N, C-alpha and C. Protein backbone atom coordinates (compact mmCIF):
# COMPACT_ATOMS: atom_id res chain seq x y z
N MET A 1 49.31 -3.80 -22.50
CA MET A 1 48.01 -3.54 -23.03
C MET A 1 46.86 -4.61 -23.20
N LYS A 2 47.59 -5.92 -23.29
CA LYS A 2 46.76 -7.01 -23.22
C LYS A 2 46.00 -7.17 -21.80
N LYS A 3 46.87 -6.85 -20.93
CA LYS A 3 46.28 -6.92 -19.56
C LYS A 3 45.26 -6.00 -19.17
N LEU A 4 45.39 -5.03 -19.82
CA LEU A 4 44.32 -3.91 -19.72
C LEU A 4 43.04 -4.15 -20.49
N VAL A 5 43.19 -4.79 -21.56
CA VAL A 5 42.03 -5.44 -22.24
C VAL A 5 41.33 -6.30 -21.79
N TYR A 6 42.18 -7.33 -21.07
CA TYR A 6 41.66 -8.49 -20.17
C TYR A 6 40.90 -7.89 -19.11
N LEU A 7 41.39 -6.97 -18.42
CA LEU A 7 40.69 -6.35 -17.18
C LEU A 7 39.44 -5.65 -17.57
N PHE A 8 39.38 -5.06 -18.92
CA PHE A 8 38.28 -4.42 -19.27
C PHE A 8 37.09 -5.18 -19.54
N PHE A 9 37.42 -6.27 -20.24
CA PHE A 9 36.26 -7.41 -20.36
C PHE A 9 35.78 -8.08 -19.12
N VAL A 10 36.69 -8.20 -18.28
CA VAL A 10 36.34 -8.78 -17.01
C VAL A 10 35.32 -7.93 -16.14
N PHE A 11 35.67 -6.54 -16.25
CA PHE A 11 34.81 -5.56 -15.80
C PHE A 11 33.46 -5.41 -16.48
N LEU A 12 33.36 -5.74 -17.75
CA LEU A 12 32.01 -5.83 -18.37
C LEU A 12 31.35 -7.27 -17.99
N ALA A 13 31.97 -8.18 -17.86
CA ALA A 13 31.24 -9.35 -17.63
C ALA A 13 30.71 -9.30 -16.09
N LEU A 14 31.50 -8.70 -15.17
CA LEU A 14 31.07 -8.61 -13.78
C LEU A 14 29.66 -7.50 -13.76
N SER A 15 29.98 -6.41 -14.62
CA SER A 15 28.97 -5.50 -14.55
C SER A 15 27.51 -6.09 -15.15
N ALA A 16 27.70 -6.89 -16.20
CA ALA A 16 26.58 -7.64 -16.60
C ALA A 16 25.93 -8.43 -15.86
N ALA A 17 26.90 -9.15 -15.08
CA ALA A 17 26.35 -10.16 -14.02
C ALA A 17 25.53 -9.41 -12.92
N VAL A 18 25.95 -8.47 -12.54
CA VAL A 18 25.41 -7.57 -11.48
C VAL A 18 24.00 -7.04 -12.13
N GLY A 19 24.05 -6.58 -13.21
CA GLY A 19 22.72 -6.25 -13.83
C GLY A 19 21.70 -7.09 -13.86
N CYS A 20 22.09 -8.36 -14.30
CA CYS A 20 21.15 -9.55 -14.49
C CYS A 20 20.68 -9.86 -13.27
N SER A 21 21.37 -9.93 -12.16
CA SER A 21 20.90 -10.23 -10.83
C SER A 21 20.15 -9.34 -10.18
N ARG A 22 19.98 -7.97 -10.55
CA ARG A 22 19.21 -6.87 -10.32
C ARG A 22 17.95 -6.77 -11.32
N SER A 23 17.83 -7.62 -12.32
CA SER A 23 16.65 -7.42 -13.09
C SER A 23 15.52 -7.77 -12.70
N VAL A 24 14.34 -7.03 -12.88
CA VAL A 24 13.19 -7.28 -12.13
C VAL A 24 12.29 -8.27 -13.38
N ASP A 25 11.92 -9.34 -12.63
CA ASP A 25 11.07 -10.10 -13.53
C ASP A 25 9.87 -9.50 -14.08
N LYS A 26 9.75 -9.70 -15.36
CA LYS A 26 8.60 -8.92 -16.08
C LYS A 26 7.25 -9.33 -15.73
N ARG A 27 7.02 -10.44 -15.17
CA ARG A 27 5.72 -11.01 -14.63
C ARG A 27 5.33 -10.29 -13.58
N LEU A 28 6.36 -9.94 -12.57
CA LEU A 28 6.04 -9.25 -11.39
C LEU A 28 5.63 -7.75 -11.77
N VAL A 29 6.41 -7.10 -12.90
CA VAL A 29 6.01 -5.79 -13.05
C VAL A 29 4.71 -5.74 -13.78
N LEU A 30 4.26 -6.72 -14.65
CA LEU A 30 2.82 -6.96 -15.15
C LEU A 30 1.82 -7.01 -13.87
N ALA A 31 2.03 -7.89 -12.92
CA ALA A 31 1.10 -8.20 -11.79
C ALA A 31 1.02 -6.59 -11.09
N ASP A 32 2.15 -6.03 -10.96
CA ASP A 32 1.92 -4.83 -10.05
C ASP A 32 1.32 -3.75 -10.72
N SER A 33 1.41 -3.55 -12.22
CA SER A 33 0.55 -2.76 -12.91
C SER A 33 -0.71 -2.80 -12.99
N LEU A 34 -1.44 -4.29 -12.68
CA LEU A 34 -2.57 -4.43 -12.64
C LEU A 34 -3.16 -4.39 -11.19
N MET A 35 -2.43 -4.27 -10.36
CA MET A 35 -2.69 -4.31 -8.81
C MET A 35 -4.23 -3.38 -8.57
N TRP A 36 -4.20 -2.19 -9.03
CA TRP A 36 -5.45 -1.27 -8.76
C TRP A 36 -6.44 -1.34 -9.66
N VAL A 37 -6.11 -1.72 -10.97
CA VAL A 37 -7.26 -1.59 -11.94
C VAL A 37 -7.88 -3.11 -11.88
N ASN A 38 -7.16 -4.14 -11.75
CA ASN A 38 -7.70 -5.53 -12.08
C ASN A 38 -6.85 -6.48 -11.14
N PRO A 39 -7.10 -6.33 -9.74
CA PRO A 39 -6.36 -7.09 -8.65
C PRO A 39 -6.64 -8.58 -8.96
N ASP A 40 -7.83 -9.09 -9.44
CA ASP A 40 -8.11 -10.38 -9.73
C ASP A 40 -6.99 -11.07 -10.66
N SER A 41 -6.83 -10.29 -11.83
CA SER A 41 -5.75 -10.52 -12.78
C SER A 41 -4.44 -10.75 -12.15
N SER A 42 -4.04 -9.74 -11.38
CA SER A 42 -2.75 -9.71 -10.58
C SER A 42 -2.49 -10.84 -9.97
N LEU A 43 -3.54 -11.15 -9.19
CA LEU A 43 -3.51 -12.46 -8.29
C LEU A 43 -3.28 -13.60 -9.13
N ALA A 44 -4.02 -13.65 -10.29
CA ALA A 44 -4.01 -14.96 -10.99
C ALA A 44 -2.36 -15.02 -11.74
N ILE A 45 -1.95 -14.05 -11.96
CA ILE A 45 -0.52 -14.11 -12.62
C ILE A 45 0.35 -14.29 -11.53
N LEU A 46 0.21 -13.85 -10.36
CA LEU A 46 1.14 -14.15 -9.28
C LEU A 46 1.05 -15.70 -8.79
N LYS A 47 -0.03 -16.11 -8.85
CA LYS A 47 -0.44 -17.67 -8.46
C LYS A 47 0.21 -18.66 -9.38
N GLY A 48 0.34 -18.08 -10.75
CA GLY A 48 0.86 -18.92 -11.80
C GLY A 48 2.45 -18.77 -11.88
N ILE A 49 2.96 -18.15 -11.03
CA ILE A 49 4.50 -17.85 -11.00
C ILE A 49 5.05 -19.09 -9.84
N ASN A 50 5.96 -19.92 -10.38
CA ASN A 50 6.73 -20.71 -9.56
C ASN A 50 7.68 -19.99 -8.88
N CYS A 51 7.50 -19.83 -7.46
CA CYS A 51 8.44 -18.95 -6.69
C CYS A 51 9.79 -19.28 -6.90
N ASP A 52 10.11 -20.73 -7.13
CA ASP A 52 11.64 -21.00 -7.33
C ASP A 52 12.25 -20.57 -8.72
N SER A 53 11.36 -20.24 -9.62
CA SER A 53 11.66 -19.87 -10.96
C SER A 53 12.43 -18.21 -10.83
N LEU A 54 12.15 -17.62 -9.70
CA LEU A 54 12.37 -16.28 -9.60
C LEU A 54 13.92 -16.15 -9.22
N GLN A 55 14.67 -15.36 -9.86
CA GLN A 55 16.02 -15.20 -9.61
C GLN A 55 16.33 -14.03 -8.67
N GLY A 56 17.06 -14.37 -7.45
CA GLY A 56 17.69 -13.39 -6.90
C GLY A 56 16.41 -12.96 -5.70
N ASP A 57 17.09 -12.45 -4.53
CA ASP A 57 16.16 -12.09 -3.46
C ASP A 57 15.43 -10.96 -3.67
N GLU A 58 15.91 -10.03 -4.73
CA GLU A 58 15.07 -9.02 -5.07
C GLU A 58 13.63 -9.33 -5.55
N ASN A 59 13.75 -10.34 -6.48
CA ASN A 59 12.45 -10.73 -7.03
C ASN A 59 11.64 -11.46 -6.20
N GLN A 60 12.48 -12.25 -5.33
CA GLN A 60 11.74 -12.97 -4.16
C GLN A 60 11.02 -12.11 -3.38
N ALA A 61 11.52 -11.11 -3.10
CA ALA A 61 10.79 -10.04 -1.99
C ALA A 61 9.68 -9.22 -2.82
N TYR A 62 10.02 -8.95 -3.84
CA TYR A 62 8.89 -8.27 -4.59
C TYR A 62 7.71 -9.25 -4.98
N TYR A 63 7.97 -10.36 -5.17
CA TYR A 63 6.82 -11.55 -5.17
C TYR A 63 6.17 -11.59 -3.90
N ALA A 64 6.74 -11.68 -2.73
CA ALA A 64 6.29 -11.81 -1.51
C ALA A 64 5.52 -10.77 -1.08
N LEU A 65 5.92 -9.36 -1.58
CA LEU A 65 5.12 -8.16 -1.30
C LEU A 65 3.95 -8.10 -2.23
N LEU A 66 4.13 -8.32 -3.45
CA LEU A 66 2.76 -8.35 -4.47
C LEU A 66 1.78 -9.47 -4.06
N LEU A 67 2.23 -10.47 -3.72
CA LEU A 67 1.19 -11.69 -3.48
C LEU A 67 0.49 -11.22 -2.30
N THR A 68 1.11 -10.77 -1.30
CA THR A 68 0.40 -10.42 0.06
C THR A 68 -0.64 -9.34 -0.45
N GLN A 69 -0.23 -8.22 -1.08
CA GLN A 69 -1.01 -7.17 -1.46
C GLN A 69 -2.17 -7.65 -2.34
N ALA A 70 -2.14 -8.54 -3.32
CA ALA A 70 -3.02 -9.01 -3.96
C ALA A 70 -4.22 -9.71 -3.26
N GLN A 71 -3.53 -10.47 -2.34
CA GLN A 71 -4.61 -11.25 -1.25
C GLN A 71 -5.53 -10.30 -0.44
N PHE A 72 -4.72 -9.33 -0.23
CA PHE A 72 -5.59 -8.20 0.60
C PHE A 72 -6.59 -7.65 -0.46
N ARG A 73 -6.24 -7.15 -1.52
CA ARG A 73 -7.16 -6.64 -2.52
C ARG A 73 -8.17 -7.43 -3.02
N CYS A 74 -8.02 -8.80 -3.02
CA CYS A 74 -9.17 -9.61 -3.61
C CYS A 74 -9.81 -10.29 -2.46
N ASN A 75 -9.26 -10.69 -1.27
CA ASN A 75 -9.83 -11.31 -0.34
C ASN A 75 -10.07 -10.53 1.01
N GLY A 76 -9.37 -9.47 1.02
CA GLY A 76 -9.42 -8.58 2.52
C GLY A 76 -8.55 -9.26 3.37
N THR A 77 -7.58 -10.22 3.34
CA THR A 77 -7.15 -10.88 4.35
C THR A 77 -5.93 -11.74 3.66
N CYS A 78 -4.88 -12.07 4.45
CA CYS A 78 -4.12 -13.38 4.00
C CYS A 78 -3.90 -14.22 5.44
N THR A 79 -3.54 -15.58 5.35
CA THR A 79 -3.56 -16.28 6.31
C THR A 79 -2.17 -16.32 6.92
N SER A 80 -0.98 -15.97 6.31
CA SER A 80 0.20 -16.01 7.08
C SER A 80 0.91 -14.69 6.90
N ASP A 81 1.88 -14.50 7.79
CA ASP A 81 2.67 -13.25 7.65
C ASP A 81 4.12 -13.54 7.00
N THR A 82 4.36 -14.81 6.72
CA THR A 82 5.57 -15.12 6.18
C THR A 82 6.07 -14.28 5.19
N LEU A 83 5.31 -14.23 4.34
CA LEU A 83 5.68 -13.48 2.87
C LEU A 83 6.01 -12.00 3.43
N ILE A 84 5.21 -11.38 3.93
CA ILE A 84 5.17 -10.05 4.26
C ILE A 84 6.45 -9.68 5.04
N ASN A 85 6.78 -10.66 6.00
CA ASN A 85 7.97 -10.51 6.90
C ASN A 85 9.07 -10.57 6.03
N PHE A 86 9.19 -11.51 5.09
CA PHE A 86 10.37 -11.77 4.23
C PHE A 86 10.51 -10.32 3.35
N ALA A 87 9.42 -9.64 3.07
CA ALA A 87 9.42 -8.67 1.99
C ALA A 87 10.00 -7.45 3.03
N THR A 88 9.29 -7.24 4.01
CA THR A 88 9.79 -6.10 5.00
C THR A 88 11.16 -6.26 5.37
N ASN A 89 11.72 -7.41 5.60
CA ASN A 89 13.04 -7.50 6.17
C ASN A 89 14.00 -7.23 4.91
N HIS A 90 13.77 -7.74 3.96
CA HIS A 90 14.72 -7.43 2.79
C HIS A 90 14.68 -5.87 2.29
N TYR A 91 13.55 -5.23 2.38
CA TYR A 91 13.42 -3.80 1.97
C TYR A 91 13.81 -2.78 3.17
N SER A 92 14.15 -3.48 4.42
CA SER A 92 14.45 -2.55 5.41
C SER A 92 15.58 -1.76 5.35
N ASP A 93 16.65 -1.81 4.65
CA ASP A 93 17.68 -0.93 4.24
C ASP A 93 17.08 0.10 3.45
N ASN A 94 15.84 0.06 3.03
CA ASN A 94 15.32 1.35 2.26
C ASN A 94 16.05 1.52 0.80
N HIS A 95 16.63 0.49 0.31
CA HIS A 95 17.19 0.61 -1.11
C HIS A 95 15.96 0.86 -2.08
N ASN A 96 14.76 0.41 -1.75
CA ASN A 96 13.61 0.72 -2.45
C ASN A 96 12.49 1.32 -1.44
N ARG A 97 12.52 2.68 -1.44
CA ARG A 97 11.51 3.32 -0.28
C ARG A 97 10.15 2.89 -0.58
N GLU A 98 9.81 2.94 -1.78
CA GLU A 98 8.21 2.70 -1.81
C GLU A 98 7.91 1.20 -1.61
N HIS A 99 8.67 0.35 -1.89
CA HIS A 99 8.52 -1.17 -1.59
C HIS A 99 8.48 -1.24 -0.06
N TYR A 100 9.50 -0.66 0.75
CA TYR A 100 9.60 -0.78 2.02
C TYR A 100 8.27 -0.14 2.62
N THR A 101 7.89 0.98 2.21
CA THR A 101 6.79 1.65 2.75
C THR A 101 5.45 0.78 2.61
N ARG A 102 5.45 0.14 1.27
CA ARG A 102 4.30 -0.78 0.97
C ARG A 102 4.28 -2.02 1.80
N SER A 103 5.36 -2.53 2.21
CA SER A 103 5.71 -3.79 2.95
C SER A 103 5.15 -3.38 4.32
N LEU A 104 5.52 -2.35 5.10
CA LEU A 104 5.16 -1.90 6.31
C LEU A 104 3.57 -1.76 6.29
N LEU A 105 3.05 -1.30 5.37
CA LEU A 105 1.51 -0.81 5.09
C LEU A 105 0.83 -2.51 5.37
N TYR A 106 1.36 -3.21 4.45
CA TYR A 106 0.58 -4.58 4.50
C TYR A 106 0.90 -5.48 5.66
N LYS A 107 2.10 -5.24 6.25
CA LYS A 107 2.28 -5.97 7.57
C LYS A 107 1.28 -5.41 8.41
N GLY A 108 1.19 -4.09 8.56
CA GLY A 108 0.15 -3.66 9.51
C GLY A 108 -1.26 -4.33 9.13
N SER A 109 -1.51 -4.42 7.94
CA SER A 109 -2.73 -4.90 7.49
C SER A 109 -2.97 -6.25 7.96
N PHE A 110 -1.98 -7.11 8.12
CA PHE A 110 -2.12 -8.24 8.63
C PHE A 110 -2.37 -8.32 9.95
N TYR A 111 -1.70 -7.54 10.90
CA TYR A 111 -1.97 -7.44 12.20
C TYR A 111 -3.23 -6.79 12.39
N GLU A 112 -3.78 -6.02 11.47
CA GLU A 112 -5.00 -5.37 11.59
C GLU A 112 -6.24 -6.49 11.69
N VAL A 113 -6.15 -7.41 10.67
CA VAL A 113 -7.20 -8.27 10.37
C VAL A 113 -7.16 -9.30 11.38
N HIS A 114 -5.91 -9.63 11.91
CA HIS A 114 -5.81 -10.57 12.91
C HIS A 114 -5.80 -10.00 14.48
N ASP A 115 -6.67 -8.95 14.40
CA ASP A 115 -6.95 -8.52 15.74
C ASP A 115 -5.90 -7.92 16.69
N ASN A 116 -4.79 -7.43 16.12
CA ASN A 116 -3.86 -6.71 16.85
C ASN A 116 -3.59 -5.40 16.53
N PRO A 117 -4.50 -4.55 16.87
CA PRO A 117 -4.40 -3.06 16.37
C PRO A 117 -3.21 -2.49 17.04
N ILE A 118 -2.64 -2.60 17.92
CA ILE A 118 -1.55 -1.93 18.54
C ILE A 118 -0.30 -1.98 17.54
N GLU A 119 -0.13 -3.42 17.21
CA GLU A 119 0.99 -3.68 16.32
C GLU A 119 0.61 -3.18 14.89
N ALA A 120 -0.49 -3.20 14.51
CA ALA A 120 -1.07 -2.60 13.14
C ALA A 120 -0.66 -1.07 13.10
N ILE A 121 -1.11 -0.32 14.13
CA ILE A 121 -0.80 1.09 14.15
C ILE A 121 0.70 1.28 14.20
N LYS A 122 1.41 0.45 14.78
CA LYS A 122 2.91 0.88 14.55
C LYS A 122 3.51 0.60 13.44
N CYS A 123 2.98 -0.28 12.73
CA CYS A 123 3.38 -0.50 11.29
C CYS A 123 2.94 0.61 10.41
N TYR A 124 1.64 0.90 10.57
CA TYR A 124 1.08 2.15 9.86
C TYR A 124 1.94 3.48 10.01
N LYS A 125 2.16 3.64 11.26
CA LYS A 125 2.98 4.86 11.61
C LYS A 125 4.42 4.89 11.06
N GLN A 126 4.98 3.71 11.02
CA GLN A 126 6.19 3.51 10.59
C GLN A 126 6.27 3.63 8.95
N ALA A 127 5.32 3.06 8.59
CA ALA A 127 5.10 3.28 6.90
C ALA A 127 4.87 4.80 6.57
N GLU A 128 4.21 5.53 7.39
CA GLU A 128 3.78 6.90 7.08
C GLU A 128 5.11 7.66 7.24
N ASP A 129 5.79 7.33 8.30
CA ASP A 129 7.09 8.08 8.50
C ASP A 129 8.14 7.97 7.43
N ASN A 130 7.99 6.57 6.75
CA ASN A 130 8.94 6.30 5.76
C ASN A 130 8.59 6.91 4.42
N ALA A 131 7.32 7.00 4.20
CA ALA A 131 6.74 7.28 2.80
C ALA A 131 7.37 8.68 2.20
N ASP A 132 7.55 8.67 0.83
CA ASP A 132 7.94 9.81 0.31
C ASP A 132 6.61 10.72 0.28
N SER A 133 6.87 12.03 0.42
CA SER A 133 5.82 13.06 0.35
C SER A 133 4.88 13.00 -0.66
N THR A 134 5.30 12.51 -1.84
CA THR A 134 4.55 12.31 -3.13
C THR A 134 3.94 11.06 -3.29
N ASP A 135 4.32 10.11 -2.50
CA ASP A 135 3.60 8.83 -2.40
C ASP A 135 2.21 8.61 -2.18
N TYR A 136 1.39 9.29 -2.99
CA TYR A 136 0.03 9.60 -2.52
C TYR A 136 -0.93 8.34 -2.26
N ARG A 137 -0.67 7.18 -3.16
CA ARG A 137 -1.48 6.03 -3.12
C ARG A 137 -1.13 5.39 -1.52
N ASN A 138 0.10 5.11 -1.24
CA ASN A 138 0.42 4.72 -0.13
C ASN A 138 -0.07 5.45 1.17
N LEU A 139 0.19 6.83 1.26
CA LEU A 139 -0.26 7.81 2.20
C LEU A 139 -1.75 7.90 2.38
N ALA A 140 -2.43 7.62 1.13
CA ALA A 140 -3.81 7.67 1.39
C ALA A 140 -4.24 6.45 2.08
N GLN A 141 -3.89 5.32 1.67
CA GLN A 141 -4.26 4.22 2.28
C GLN A 141 -3.73 4.11 3.92
N ILE A 142 -2.64 4.38 4.20
CA ILE A 142 -2.01 4.72 5.44
C ILE A 142 -3.00 5.44 6.33
N ASN A 143 -3.29 6.66 5.80
CA ASN A 143 -4.21 7.53 6.68
C ASN A 143 -5.43 7.03 6.94
N MET A 144 -5.93 6.54 5.76
CA MET A 144 -7.43 5.81 5.96
C MET A 144 -7.44 4.64 6.98
N ARG A 145 -6.50 3.95 7.13
CA ARG A 145 -6.63 2.84 7.96
C ARG A 145 -6.24 3.16 9.42
N LEU A 146 -5.13 4.07 9.51
CA LEU A 146 -4.99 4.64 10.89
C LEU A 146 -6.18 5.32 11.36
N GLY A 147 -6.89 6.04 10.38
CA GLY A 147 -8.31 6.82 10.86
C GLY A 147 -9.13 5.70 11.27
N ALA A 148 -9.46 4.56 10.51
CA ALA A 148 -10.28 3.58 10.96
C ALA A 148 -10.16 2.95 12.16
N LEU A 149 -8.70 2.56 12.31
CA LEU A 149 -8.30 2.11 13.78
C LEU A 149 -8.64 2.99 14.78
N TYR A 150 -8.23 4.17 14.79
CA TYR A 150 -8.36 5.24 15.79
C TYR A 150 -9.99 5.49 16.04
N TYR A 151 -10.73 5.34 15.23
CA TYR A 151 -12.20 5.34 15.12
C TYR A 151 -12.80 4.27 15.94
N LYS A 152 -12.31 3.08 15.50
CA LYS A 152 -12.92 1.76 16.04
C LYS A 152 -12.51 1.80 17.63
N ASN A 153 -11.34 2.33 18.17
CA ASN A 153 -10.93 2.31 19.32
C ASN A 153 -11.05 3.58 20.25
N TYR A 154 -11.82 4.36 19.65
CA TYR A 154 -12.28 5.56 20.42
C TYR A 154 -10.85 6.41 20.88
N ALA A 155 -10.16 6.74 19.93
CA ALA A 155 -8.84 7.46 20.12
C ALA A 155 -9.34 8.97 20.43
N SER A 156 -8.65 9.47 21.31
CA SER A 156 -8.86 10.85 21.76
C SER A 156 -8.08 12.03 20.65
N ASN A 157 -8.46 13.23 21.08
CA ASN A 157 -7.86 14.41 20.33
C ASN A 157 -8.03 14.46 18.92
N ASN A 158 -9.16 13.74 18.44
CA ASN A 158 -9.37 13.85 17.02
C ASN A 158 -8.44 13.15 16.09
N LEU A 159 -7.70 12.13 16.63
CA LEU A 159 -6.68 11.47 15.83
C LEU A 159 -7.47 10.98 14.40
N ASP A 160 -8.62 10.45 14.87
CA ASP A 160 -9.37 9.57 13.60
C ASP A 160 -9.66 10.67 12.66
N LEU A 161 -10.30 11.79 12.97
CA LEU A 161 -10.77 12.88 12.03
C LEU A 161 -9.65 13.38 11.36
N ASN A 162 -8.44 13.65 11.85
CA ASN A 162 -7.41 14.22 11.19
C ASN A 162 -6.94 13.22 10.07
N LYS A 163 -6.88 12.06 10.64
CA LYS A 163 -6.44 11.04 9.32
C LYS A 163 -7.43 10.76 8.26
N PHE A 164 -8.69 11.00 8.49
CA PHE A 164 -9.66 10.82 7.66
C PHE A 164 -9.54 11.88 6.55
N LYS A 165 -9.19 13.34 7.03
CA LYS A 165 -9.19 14.44 6.33
C LYS A 165 -8.00 14.31 5.46
N MET A 166 -6.90 13.90 5.94
CA MET A 166 -5.58 13.67 5.10
C MET A 166 -5.94 12.71 4.00
N ALA A 167 -6.67 11.46 4.49
CA ALA A 167 -6.88 10.44 3.37
C ALA A 167 -7.72 11.15 2.18
N ALA A 168 -8.72 11.75 2.60
CA ALA A 168 -9.68 12.44 1.64
C ALA A 168 -8.95 13.30 0.60
N HIS A 169 -7.69 14.06 1.21
CA HIS A 169 -7.00 14.78 0.53
C HIS A 169 -6.05 14.26 -0.33
N TYR A 170 -5.50 12.96 0.03
CA TYR A 170 -4.61 12.37 -0.93
C TYR A 170 -5.59 11.64 -1.85
N TYR A 171 -6.84 11.19 -1.58
CA TYR A 171 -7.65 10.50 -2.77
C TYR A 171 -8.06 11.63 -3.73
N GLU A 172 -8.18 12.72 -3.23
CA GLU A 172 -8.57 13.78 -4.03
C GLU A 172 -7.57 14.17 -5.11
N ILE A 173 -6.17 14.11 -4.63
CA ILE A 173 -5.09 14.15 -5.61
C ILE A 173 -4.97 13.13 -6.54
N LEU A 174 -5.29 11.88 -6.06
CA LEU A 174 -5.31 10.63 -6.94
C LEU A 174 -6.55 10.66 -7.82
N ARG A 175 -7.51 11.41 -7.69
CA ARG A 175 -8.81 11.44 -8.38
C ARG A 175 -9.46 9.95 -8.03
N ASP A 176 -9.33 9.45 -6.95
CA ASP A 176 -9.90 8.55 -6.52
C ASP A 176 -11.37 8.70 -5.84
N LYS A 177 -12.22 9.02 -6.65
CA LYS A 177 -13.59 9.62 -6.04
C LYS A 177 -14.37 8.77 -5.08
N LYS A 178 -14.17 7.64 -5.43
CA LYS A 178 -14.98 6.46 -4.44
C LYS A 178 -14.22 6.27 -3.05
N MET A 179 -13.14 6.40 -2.97
CA MET A 179 -12.50 6.41 -1.72
C MET A 179 -12.58 7.75 -1.07
N MET A 180 -12.34 8.70 -1.80
CA MET A 180 -12.61 10.12 -1.14
C MET A 180 -13.86 10.26 -0.50
N MET A 181 -14.99 9.74 -1.29
CA MET A 181 -16.42 9.55 -0.73
C MET A 181 -16.43 9.02 0.68
N THR A 182 -15.75 7.93 0.78
CA THR A 182 -15.63 7.14 1.84
C THR A 182 -15.08 7.78 3.09
N ALA A 183 -13.86 8.39 2.86
CA ALA A 183 -13.14 9.05 3.58
C ALA A 183 -14.02 10.32 4.37
N LEU A 184 -14.74 10.93 3.30
CA LEU A 184 -15.57 11.97 3.85
C LEU A 184 -16.78 11.66 4.62
N GLU A 185 -17.34 10.50 4.35
CA GLU A 185 -18.37 9.87 5.19
C GLU A 185 -17.88 9.66 6.57
N TYR A 186 -16.73 8.99 6.73
CA TYR A 186 -16.01 8.90 8.07
C TYR A 186 -15.83 10.14 8.85
N CYS A 187 -15.22 11.22 7.88
CA CYS A 187 -15.26 12.45 8.70
C CYS A 187 -16.74 13.09 9.14
N GLY A 188 -17.86 12.89 8.43
CA GLY A 188 -19.06 13.16 8.85
C GLY A 188 -19.64 12.47 10.02
N ASN A 189 -19.07 11.13 10.09
CA ASN A 189 -19.62 10.56 11.34
C ASN A 189 -18.91 10.87 12.62
N VAL A 190 -17.58 11.28 12.52
CA VAL A 190 -16.90 11.69 13.49
C VAL A 190 -17.38 13.02 14.01
N LEU A 191 -17.52 13.77 13.16
CA LEU A 191 -17.94 15.24 13.49
C LEU A 191 -19.32 15.46 13.91
N ARG A 192 -20.20 14.38 13.67
CA ARG A 192 -21.74 14.30 13.90
C ARG A 192 -21.92 14.80 15.28
N ILE A 193 -21.28 14.22 16.34
CA ILE A 193 -21.53 14.51 17.63
C ILE A 193 -20.89 15.93 18.16
N THR A 194 -19.94 16.47 17.61
CA THR A 194 -19.22 17.71 18.21
C THR A 194 -19.58 18.96 17.11
N ASP A 195 -19.75 18.74 15.81
CA ASP A 195 -20.03 19.83 15.03
C ASP A 195 -20.92 19.35 14.05
N ILE A 196 -22.25 19.54 14.23
CA ILE A 196 -23.20 19.21 13.29
C ILE A 196 -23.08 19.94 11.78
N ASN A 197 -22.78 21.03 11.88
CA ASN A 197 -22.65 21.85 10.73
C ASN A 197 -21.52 21.30 9.72
N ALA A 198 -20.45 21.14 10.35
CA ALA A 198 -19.21 20.69 9.61
C ALA A 198 -19.44 19.19 9.28
N SER A 199 -20.24 18.43 10.02
CA SER A 199 -20.67 17.02 9.65
C SER A 199 -21.50 17.05 8.55
N THR A 200 -22.51 17.92 8.55
CA THR A 200 -23.45 18.18 7.28
C THR A 200 -22.56 18.40 6.04
N LYS A 201 -21.69 19.30 6.04
CA LYS A 201 -20.80 19.63 4.80
C LYS A 201 -20.03 18.38 4.37
N CYS A 202 -19.53 17.59 5.30
CA CYS A 202 -18.74 16.56 4.76
C CYS A 202 -19.90 15.45 4.06
N TYR A 203 -21.05 15.25 4.65
CA TYR A 203 -22.07 14.41 3.97
C TYR A 203 -22.51 14.97 2.73
N ASP A 204 -22.71 16.26 2.57
CA ASP A 204 -23.07 16.79 1.42
C ASP A 204 -22.19 16.51 0.32
N LYS A 205 -20.85 16.83 0.69
CA LYS A 205 -19.94 16.74 -0.34
C LYS A 205 -19.51 15.25 -0.73
N ALA A 206 -19.93 14.14 0.16
CA ALA A 206 -19.72 12.76 0.02
C ALA A 206 -21.01 12.53 -0.95
N LEU A 207 -22.17 12.93 -0.75
CA LEU A 207 -23.29 12.71 -1.50
C LEU A 207 -23.22 13.33 -2.78
N SER A 208 -22.47 14.46 -3.05
CA SER A 208 -22.45 14.99 -4.40
C SER A 208 -21.46 14.08 -5.36
N ILE A 209 -20.41 13.49 -4.60
CA ILE A 209 -19.60 12.70 -5.26
C ILE A 209 -20.31 11.29 -5.57
N ALA A 210 -21.22 10.71 -4.71
CA ALA A 210 -21.98 9.64 -4.81
C ALA A 210 -22.99 9.85 -5.97
N LYS A 211 -23.62 11.03 -6.17
CA LYS A 211 -24.41 11.32 -7.33
C LYS A 211 -23.66 11.34 -8.49
N GLU A 212 -22.36 11.75 -8.55
CA GLU A 212 -21.74 11.79 -9.70
C GLU A 212 -21.25 10.26 -10.21
N LEU A 213 -21.02 9.24 -9.07
CA LEU A 213 -20.79 8.07 -9.23
C LEU A 213 -21.78 7.12 -9.37
N LYS A 214 -23.03 7.94 -9.38
CA LYS A 214 -24.20 7.15 -9.31
C LYS A 214 -24.21 5.89 -8.43
N ASP A 215 -23.87 6.21 -7.06
CA ASP A 215 -23.57 5.13 -6.17
C ASP A 215 -24.19 5.75 -4.79
N THR A 216 -25.52 6.41 -4.91
CA THR A 216 -26.13 6.94 -3.74
C THR A 216 -26.75 5.88 -2.81
N ASN A 217 -26.75 4.73 -3.14
CA ASN A 217 -27.32 3.70 -2.22
C ASN A 217 -26.42 3.43 -0.91
N ASN A 218 -25.11 3.99 -1.02
CA ASN A 218 -24.25 3.62 0.00
C ASN A 218 -24.06 5.04 0.85
N ILE A 219 -24.82 6.09 0.66
CA ILE A 219 -24.80 7.13 1.46
C ILE A 219 -25.90 7.25 2.42
């Protein structure tokens, strides 16, 4: 009986240890919650964290992903791919599907801003294939960025148009009217040469959103 009680408490201790090792640092959760509404605050929180204070690879990878994302959200770029490579490798077993998708997305972003569109497209397509069908935020970004790369590099078969349409669809679900307006503008630009009527419809819809947002200067 005593042996069973002893084994029971050993089991509880091991379970607690595993639970602690997997616990997510609250500062990272806070930074992630602010990423879209206030990225400057998110970046400030992350810069205030001593990376060595984060316990476990899970927190280290989450920190690497968030810091890369915050840098892109605030500055439009990052200078090194060390952090995002660490995050991508850590999540590559897909134990956290959303984080792996996001890691691939921002790895693609790094390649894109450093003038390597081929590798960027590979990462974006891998992220798209990996994303959950309800992961609207990441899917919207992936389609928008793929559309922009196809547009800049004169891709054939309306690849750019299809991606911009999908981006507009996901942004509509997210009720992100500003980004939906941008996606529709791109659709209008692509269609302007081949289908002026469809192009006009896209511009009109974008203008309607712009008026609603009082942002007509950009249309």
